Amino acid sequence: MDRLMDVVNLVYAYCTDFIINIANILGLSYYEVNTFIFVILYPLLLVGLTCLFIIQILRLRYWKKETQPLK
């Protein structure tokens, strides 16, 4: 369990440092970059991928219906 906590702490530290570095490069604050990622970018990505998934399901159903062998 300690090993897992070490990995979680390492990933958290890496992600935090990454956001701080992005904020420094863009000349923004940590909070502004964090807000952009988790309030704007992540929800857009989530909705976009959900729509893409639904579109692919509909395309697959249509393709299966159109390519059924003749009886």
N, C-alpha and C. Protein backbone atom coordinates (compact mmCIF):
# COMPACT_ATOMS: atom_id res chain seq x y z
N MET A 1 0.83 -1.19 0.00
CA MET A 1 0.00 0.00 0.00
C MET A 1 0.87 1.25 0.00
N ASP A 2 2.01 1.18 0.68
CA ASP A 2 2.91 2.33 0.69
C ASP A 2 3.46 2.61 -0.70
N ARG A 3 3.69 1.56 -1.45
CA ARG A 3 4.20 1.72 -2.81
C ARG A 3 3.18 2.46 -3.69
N LEU A 4 1.91 2.11 -3.52
CA LEU A 4 0.84 2.77 -4.27
C LEU A 4 0.77 4.25 -3.91
N MET A 5 0.87 4.57 -2.63
CA MET A 5 0.83 5.96 -2.20
C MET A 5 2.03 6.74 -2.75
N ASP A 6 3.18 6.08 -2.84
CA ASP A 6 4.35 6.73 -3.43
C ASP A 6 4.11 7.07 -4.89
N VAL A 7 3.48 6.15 -5.62
CA VAL A 7 3.19 6.38 -7.04
C VAL A 7 2.17 7.52 -7.19
N VAL A 8 1.15 7.52 -6.35
CA VAL A 8 0.14 8.58 -6.41
C VAL A 8 0.77 9.93 -6.11
N ASN A 9 1.61 9.99 -5.11
CA ASN A 9 2.29 11.25 -4.77
C ASN A 9 3.20 11.71 -5.90
N LEU A 10 3.89 10.78 -6.54
CA LEU A 10 4.77 11.11 -7.66
C LEU A 10 3.98 11.66 -8.84
N VAL A 11 2.86 11.03 -9.16
CA VAL A 11 2.03 11.49 -10.28
C VAL A 11 1.44 12.86 -9.97
N TYR A 12 0.98 13.06 -8.73
CA TYR A 12 0.44 14.36 -8.33
C TYR A 12 1.50 15.46 -8.44
N ALA A 13 2.69 15.17 -7.95
CA ALA A 13 3.77 16.16 -8.01
C ALA A 13 4.14 16.48 -9.46
N TYR A 14 4.18 15.45 -10.31
CA TYR A 14 4.51 15.67 -11.72
C TYR A 14 3.44 16.54 -12.39
N CYS A 15 2.17 16.21 -12.16
CA CYS A 15 1.09 16.98 -12.80
C CYS A 15 1.07 18.43 -12.31
N THR A 16 1.31 18.62 -11.02
CA THR A 16 1.34 19.98 -10.48
C THR A 16 2.49 20.77 -11.08
N ASP A 17 3.67 20.15 -11.15
CA ASP A 17 4.82 20.82 -11.76
C ASP A 17 4.57 21.13 -13.23
N PHE A 18 3.90 20.21 -13.92
CA PHE A 18 3.58 20.42 -15.33
C PHE A 18 2.70 21.64 -15.51
N ILE A 19 1.66 21.75 -14.69
CA ILE A 19 0.75 22.90 -14.79
C ILE A 19 1.47 24.20 -14.43
N ILE A 20 2.33 24.14 -13.42
CA ILE A 20 3.10 25.34 -13.05
C ILE A 20 4.01 25.76 -14.19
N ASN A 21 4.66 24.81 -14.84
CA ASN A 21 5.53 25.13 -15.97
C ASN A 21 4.74 25.71 -17.15
N ILE A 22 3.59 25.14 -17.43
CA ILE A 22 2.73 25.68 -18.50
C ILE A 22 2.31 27.11 -18.16
N ALA A 23 1.95 27.33 -16.89
CA ALA A 23 1.54 28.68 -16.46
C ALA A 23 2.70 29.67 -16.65
N ASN A 24 3.90 29.27 -16.31
CA ASN A 24 5.06 30.16 -16.47
C ASN A 24 5.34 30.45 -17.95
N ILE A 25 5.20 29.44 -18.78
CA ILE A 25 5.46 29.62 -20.22
C ILE A 25 4.42 30.57 -20.82
N LEU A 26 3.17 30.43 -20.41
CA LEU A 26 2.10 31.25 -20.98
C LEU A 26 1.93 32.60 -20.28
N GLY A 27 2.63 32.78 -19.19
CA GLY A 27 2.52 34.03 -18.45
C GLY A 27 1.21 34.15 -17.68
N LEU A 28 0.65 33.03 -17.28
CA LEU A 28 -0.59 33.00 -16.52
C LEU A 28 -0.32 32.45 -15.12
N SER A 29 -1.34 32.49 -14.29
CA SER A 29 -1.18 31.92 -12.96
C SER A 29 -1.53 30.43 -13.00
N TYR A 30 -1.11 29.72 -11.96
CA TYR A 30 -1.43 28.30 -11.82
C TYR A 30 -2.94 28.10 -11.84
N TYR A 31 -3.67 28.97 -11.15
CA TYR A 31 -5.11 28.83 -11.04
C TYR A 31 -5.81 29.05 -12.38
N GLU A 32 -5.30 29.97 -13.18
CA GLU A 32 -5.90 30.20 -14.50
C GLU A 32 -5.71 29.00 -15.42
N VAL A 33 -4.51 28.43 -15.41
CA VAL A 33 -4.26 27.25 -16.25
C VAL A 33 -5.08 26.07 -15.75
N ASN A 34 -5.14 25.90 -14.44
CA ASN A 34 -5.92 24.82 -13.85
C ASN A 34 -7.40 24.96 -14.21
N THR A 35 -7.91 26.18 -14.14
CA THR A 35 -9.30 26.44 -14.51
C THR A 35 -9.54 26.13 -15.98
N PHE A 36 -8.64 26.57 -16.83
CA PHE A 36 -8.78 26.31 -18.26
C PHE A 36 -8.83 24.80 -18.54
N ILE A 37 -7.94 24.05 -17.90
CA ILE A 37 -7.88 22.61 -18.16
C ILE A 37 -9.11 21.89 -17.63
N PHE A 38 -9.47 22.14 -16.37
CA PHE A 38 -10.50 21.33 -15.73
C PHE A 38 -11.91 21.89 -15.83
N VAL A 39 -12.08 23.15 -16.19
CA VAL A 39 -13.41 23.72 -16.32
C VAL A 39 -13.81 23.88 -17.79
N ILE A 40 -12.83 24.08 -18.66
CA ILE A 40 -13.13 24.31 -20.07
C ILE A 40 -12.70 23.12 -20.94
N LEU A 41 -11.43 22.77 -20.90
CA LEU A 41 -10.90 21.76 -21.81
C LEU A 41 -11.43 20.35 -21.52
N TYR A 42 -11.38 19.93 -20.27
CA TYR A 42 -11.82 18.57 -19.93
C TYR A 42 -13.31 18.33 -20.24
N PRO A 43 -14.22 19.24 -19.86
CA PRO A 43 -15.63 19.01 -20.23
C PRO A 43 -15.85 18.98 -21.75
N LEU A 44 -15.16 19.85 -22.49
CA LEU A 44 -15.29 19.81 -23.95
C LEU A 44 -14.80 18.49 -24.51
N LEU A 45 -13.69 18.01 -23.99
CA LEU A 45 -13.16 16.72 -24.43
C LEU A 45 -14.12 15.59 -24.09
N LEU A 46 -14.69 15.62 -22.91
CA LEU A 46 -15.62 14.58 -22.48
C LEU A 46 -16.87 14.57 -23.35
N VAL A 47 -17.45 15.72 -23.61
CA VAL A 47 -18.65 15.80 -24.46
C VAL A 47 -18.31 15.41 -25.89
N GLY A 48 -17.17 15.89 -26.39
CA GLY A 48 -16.77 15.56 -27.75
C GLY A 48 -16.55 14.08 -27.96
N LEU A 49 -15.88 13.43 -27.02
CA LEU A 49 -15.65 11.99 -27.16
C LEU A 49 -16.93 11.18 -27.00
N THR A 50 -17.84 11.66 -26.15
CA THR A 50 -19.13 10.99 -26.02
C THR A 50 -19.92 11.09 -27.32
N CYS A 51 -19.92 12.25 -27.94
CA CYS A 51 -20.60 12.42 -29.24
C CYS A 51 -19.96 11.55 -30.30
N LEU A 52 -18.64 11.49 -30.32
CA LEU A 52 -17.94 10.64 -31.28
C LEU A 52 -18.30 9.17 -31.08
N PHE A 53 -18.40 8.75 -29.84
CA PHE A 53 -18.78 7.37 -29.53
C PHE A 53 -20.17 7.05 -30.05
N ILE A 54 -21.11 7.97 -29.81
CA ILE A 54 -22.49 7.75 -30.27
C ILE A 54 -22.54 7.72 -31.80
N ILE A 55 -21.81 8.62 -32.45
CA ILE A 55 -21.77 8.63 -33.92
C ILE A 55 -21.20 7.32 -34.45
N GLN A 56 -20.16 6.81 -33.83
CA GLN A 56 -19.57 5.55 -34.28
C GLN A 56 -20.53 4.38 -34.08
N ILE A 57 -21.28 4.38 -32.99
CA ILE A 57 -22.28 3.32 -32.78
C ILE A 57 -23.34 3.37 -33.88
N LEU A 58 -23.82 4.56 -34.20
CA LEU A 58 -24.83 4.70 -35.24
C LEU A 58 -24.28 4.27 -36.60
N ARG A 59 -23.04 4.65 -36.89
CA ARG A 59 -22.43 4.24 -38.16
C ARG A 59 -22.27 2.73 -38.24
N LEU A 60 -21.89 2.11 -37.13
CA LEU A 60 -21.70 0.66 -37.11
C LEU A 60 -23.04 -0.05 -37.32
N ARG A 61 -24.09 0.43 -36.68
CA ARG A 61 -25.42 -0.17 -36.88
C ARG A 61 -25.85 -0.05 -38.33
N TYR A 62 -25.65 1.13 -38.92
CA TYR A 62 -26.02 1.34 -40.32
C TYR A 62 -25.20 0.42 -41.22
N TRP A 63 -23.92 0.30 -40.95
CA TRP A 63 -23.04 -0.53 -41.78
C TRP A 63 -23.43 -1.99 -41.67
N LYS A 64 -23.76 -2.45 -40.46
CA LYS A 64 -24.17 -3.84 -40.28
C LYS A 64 -25.48 -4.12 -41.00
N LYS A 65 -26.40 -3.15 -40.98
CA LYS A 65 -27.69 -3.32 -41.64
C LYS A 65 -27.51 -3.37 -43.16
N GLU A 66 -26.63 -2.54 -43.69
CA GLU A 66 -26.42 -2.45 -45.13
C GLU A 66 -25.61 -3.62 -45.70
N THR A 67 -24.81 -4.27 -44.88
CA THR A 67 -23.92 -5.31 -45.39
C THR A 67 -24.36 -6.71 -44.99
N GLN A 68 -25.62 -6.89 -44.64
CA GLN A 68 -26.10 -8.23 -44.31
C GLN A 68 -26.14 -9.08 -45.57
N PRO A 69 -25.75 -10.35 -45.45
CA PRO A 69 -25.78 -11.21 -46.64
C PRO A 69 -27.20 -11.49 -47.10
N LEU A 70 -27.35 -11.76 -48.38
CA LEU A 70 -28.67 -12.08 -48.94
C LEU A 70 -29.09 -13.45 -48.49
N LYS A 71 -30.40 -13.61 -48.29
CA LYS A 71 -30.93 -14.92 -47.84
C LYS A 71 -31.53 -15.67 -48.99
